[in-house]
Amino acid sequence: MKTILRSSELSCPSCIVKIEKTLKSIPGVTDAHVHFETARIDVDHDSSTGSVESLLKAVKSAGYDAWPSML
């Protein structure tokens, strides 16, 4: 399953690394990619183990705000 999140708080390359690393540490997440220019966060995960809420909590624990994209 692919979930797309958005964040308006991406201000530097270290933000990207921190968010991707945090998301990839969640069981069931197979990949996470942050697109700095579009403030988009693509997360590939197993829907049975990783909920959207758990992804949002992970981004918040990394110090950033995020919300589900309406795509």
N, C-alpha and C. Protein backbone atom coordinates (compact mmCIF):
# COMPACT_ATOMS: atom_id res chain seq x y z
N MET A 1 0.85 -1.17 0.00
CA MET A 1 0.00 0.00 0.00
C MET A 1 0.90 1.24 0.00
N LYS A 2 0.47 2.27 -0.72
CA LYS A 2 1.22 3.52 -0.71
C LYS A 2 0.35 4.58 -0.04
N THR A 3 0.96 5.26 0.92
CA THR A 3 0.31 6.39 1.60
C THR A 3 1.11 7.63 1.27
N ILE A 4 0.41 8.71 0.96
CA ILE A 4 1.06 9.97 0.67
C ILE A 4 0.72 10.95 1.79
N LEU A 5 1.76 11.49 2.39
CA LEU A 5 1.63 12.48 3.44
C LEU A 5 2.17 13.81 2.93
N ARG A 6 1.82 14.87 3.59
CA ARG A 6 2.34 16.21 3.28
C ARG A 6 2.88 16.83 4.57
N SER A 7 3.89 17.69 4.42
CA SER A 7 4.43 18.43 5.54
C SER A 7 4.91 19.79 5.06
N SER A 8 4.60 20.81 5.79
CA SER A 8 5.03 22.16 5.41
C SER A 8 6.30 22.57 6.15
N GLU A 9 6.86 21.67 6.93
CA GLU A 9 7.99 22.01 7.79
C GLU A 9 9.33 21.52 7.26
N LEU A 10 9.41 21.15 6.00
CA LEU A 10 10.66 20.66 5.44
C LEU A 10 11.52 21.84 5.04
N SER A 11 12.64 22.02 5.74
CA SER A 11 13.46 23.20 5.48
C SER A 11 14.90 22.90 5.11
N CYS A 12 15.31 21.62 5.19
CA CYS A 12 16.71 21.31 4.89
C CYS A 12 16.86 19.82 4.59
N PRO A 13 17.98 19.44 3.98
CA PRO A 13 18.21 18.02 3.67
C PRO A 13 18.21 17.11 4.90
N SER A 14 18.63 17.62 6.04
CA SER A 14 18.64 16.77 7.23
C SER A 14 17.22 16.41 7.67
N CYS A 15 16.25 17.27 7.36
CA CYS A 15 14.84 16.95 7.64
C CYS A 15 14.43 15.69 6.88
N ILE A 16 14.83 15.65 5.63
CA ILE A 16 14.49 14.52 4.77
C ILE A 16 15.06 13.23 5.35
N VAL A 17 16.32 13.24 5.69
CA VAL A 17 17.00 12.06 6.22
C VAL A 17 16.33 11.59 7.51
N LYS A 18 16.05 12.53 8.38
CA LYS A 18 15.46 12.19 9.68
C LYS A 18 14.06 11.57 9.52
N ILE A 19 13.23 12.15 8.67
CA ILE A 19 11.88 11.62 8.45
C ILE A 19 11.94 10.25 7.78
N GLU A 20 12.74 10.12 6.74
CA GLU A 20 12.84 8.82 6.05
C GLU A 20 13.33 7.74 6.99
N LYS A 21 14.35 8.02 7.77
CA LYS A 21 14.91 7.04 8.71
C LYS A 21 13.86 6.63 9.76
N THR A 22 13.14 7.60 10.27
CA THR A 22 12.11 7.31 11.28
C THR A 22 11.00 6.45 10.69
N LEU A 23 10.53 6.79 9.50
CA LEU A 23 9.45 6.01 8.89
C LEU A 23 9.91 4.60 8.56
N LYS A 24 11.12 4.45 8.06
CA LYS A 24 11.62 3.12 7.69
C LYS A 24 11.85 2.22 8.91
N SER A 25 11.89 2.80 10.09
CA SER A 25 12.07 1.99 11.30
C SER A 25 10.76 1.37 11.79
N ILE A 26 9.64 1.76 11.21
CA ILE A 26 8.34 1.22 11.60
C ILE A 26 8.16 -0.16 10.97
N PRO A 27 7.79 -1.16 11.78
CA PRO A 27 7.52 -2.49 11.20
C PRO A 27 6.43 -2.39 10.13
N GLY A 28 6.69 -3.02 8.99
CA GLY A 28 5.72 -3.02 7.90
C GLY A 28 5.99 -1.95 6.85
N VAL A 29 6.83 -0.96 7.16
CA VAL A 29 7.19 0.06 6.17
C VAL A 29 8.34 -0.49 5.33
N THR A 30 8.12 -0.56 4.02
CA THR A 30 9.14 -1.08 3.13
C THR A 30 9.98 0.01 2.48
N ASP A 31 9.41 1.22 2.36
CA ASP A 31 10.17 2.33 1.78
C ASP A 31 9.50 3.64 2.16
N ALA A 32 10.30 4.68 2.24
CA ALA A 32 9.80 6.03 2.51
C ALA A 32 10.69 7.00 1.75
N HIS A 33 10.05 7.92 1.06
CA HIS A 33 10.81 8.90 0.28
C HIS A 33 10.17 10.27 0.46
N VAL A 34 10.99 11.23 0.87
CA VAL A 34 10.53 12.60 1.06
C VAL A 34 10.95 13.43 -0.15
N HIS A 35 9.99 14.13 -0.73
CA HIS A 35 10.23 15.02 -1.86
C HIS A 35 10.25 16.45 -1.33
N PHE A 36 11.44 16.98 -1.17
CA PHE A 36 11.63 18.29 -0.56
C PHE A 36 10.87 19.39 -1.31
N GLU A 37 10.96 19.41 -2.63
CA GLU A 37 10.38 20.49 -3.42
C GLU A 37 8.85 20.55 -3.33
N THR A 38 8.21 19.40 -3.19
CA THR A 38 6.75 19.36 -3.17
C THR A 38 6.16 19.11 -1.79
N ALA A 39 7.02 18.96 -0.78
CA ALA A 39 6.60 18.68 0.60
C ALA A 39 5.77 17.39 0.69
N ARG A 40 6.09 16.45 -0.19
CA ARG A 40 5.37 15.18 -0.26
C ARG A 40 6.21 14.07 0.35
N ILE A 41 5.55 13.19 1.10
CA ILE A 41 6.21 12.05 1.72
C ILE A 41 5.49 10.80 1.23
N ASP A 42 6.16 9.97 0.45
CA ASP A 42 5.59 8.72 -0.05
C ASP A 42 6.05 7.59 0.85
N VAL A 43 5.10 6.81 1.33
CA VAL A 43 5.43 5.70 2.23
C VAL A 43 4.80 4.43 1.68
N ASP A 44 5.62 3.43 1.40
CA ASP A 44 5.14 2.11 1.01
C ASP A 44 5.14 1.25 2.26
N HIS A 45 3.98 0.64 2.53
CA HIS A 45 3.87 -0.15 3.76
C HIS A 45 2.81 -1.21 3.65
N ASP A 46 2.89 -2.16 4.55
CA ASP A 46 1.89 -3.21 4.67
C ASP A 46 0.75 -2.64 5.51
N SER A 47 -0.43 -2.55 4.93
CA SER A 47 -1.55 -1.91 5.63
C SER A 47 -1.99 -2.67 6.87
N SER A 48 -1.63 -3.95 6.98
CA SER A 48 -2.03 -4.72 8.16
C SER A 48 -1.15 -4.41 9.37
N THR A 49 0.03 -3.85 9.15
CA THR A 49 0.91 -3.55 10.29
C THR A 49 1.20 -2.07 10.47
N GLY A 50 1.01 -1.28 9.43
CA GLY A 50 1.30 0.15 9.54
C GLY A 50 0.10 0.99 9.14
N SER A 51 -0.52 1.64 10.10
CA SER A 51 -1.66 2.48 9.80
C SER A 51 -1.21 3.90 9.48
N VAL A 52 -2.08 4.67 8.87
CA VAL A 52 -1.77 6.07 8.58
C VAL A 52 -1.47 6.81 9.89
N GLU A 53 -2.21 6.49 10.93
CA GLU A 53 -1.99 7.13 12.22
C GLU A 53 -0.59 6.85 12.76
N SER A 54 -0.11 5.62 12.58
CA SER A 54 1.24 5.30 13.06
C SER A 54 2.30 6.04 12.24
N LEU A 55 2.04 6.24 10.96
CA LEU A 55 2.98 7.00 10.12
C LEU A 55 3.02 8.46 10.56
N LEU A 56 1.86 9.03 10.82
CA LEU A 56 1.79 10.42 11.27
C LEU A 56 2.48 10.60 12.62
N LYS A 57 2.28 9.64 13.53
CA LYS A 57 2.93 9.70 14.84
C LYS A 57 4.45 9.63 14.71
N ALA A 58 4.92 8.82 13.77
CA ALA A 58 6.36 8.68 13.56
C ALA A 58 6.96 10.00 13.06
N VAL A 59 6.29 10.63 12.12
CA VAL A 59 6.78 11.92 11.60
C VAL A 59 6.80 12.94 12.73
N LYS A 60 5.74 12.94 13.55
CA LYS A 60 5.67 13.87 14.67
C LYS A 60 6.79 13.59 15.67
N SER A 61 7.09 12.31 15.92
CA SER A 61 8.16 11.97 16.86
C SER A 61 9.54 12.41 16.34
N ALA A 62 9.64 12.56 15.02
CA ALA A 62 10.88 13.06 14.42
C ALA A 62 10.97 14.58 14.51
N GLY A 63 9.88 15.20 14.95
CA GLY A 63 9.89 16.65 15.15
C GLY A 63 9.20 17.46 14.07
N TYR A 64 8.38 16.79 13.24
CA TYR A 64 7.73 17.48 12.14
C TYR A 64 6.23 17.20 12.13
N ASP A 65 5.49 18.12 11.57
CA ASP A 65 4.05 17.93 11.43
C ASP A 65 3.77 17.34 10.06
N ALA A 66 2.74 16.52 9.96
CA ALA A 66 2.35 15.95 8.67
C ALA A 66 0.87 15.63 8.70
N TRP A 67 0.30 15.48 7.52
CA TRP A 67 -1.11 15.14 7.39
C TRP A 67 -1.26 14.30 6.14
N PRO A 68 -2.33 13.48 6.06
CA PRO A 68 -2.55 12.67 4.87
C PRO A 68 -2.88 13.57 3.68
N SER A 69 -2.36 13.20 2.53
CA SER A 69 -2.65 13.95 1.31
C SER A 69 -4.03 13.53 0.80
N MET A 70 -4.71 14.45 0.19
CA MET A 70 -6.04 14.17 -0.35
C MET A 70 -5.97 13.69 -1.80
N LEU A 71 -4.84 13.16 -2.21
CA LEU A 71 -4.67 12.67 -3.57
C LEU A 71 -5.48 11.44 -3.82
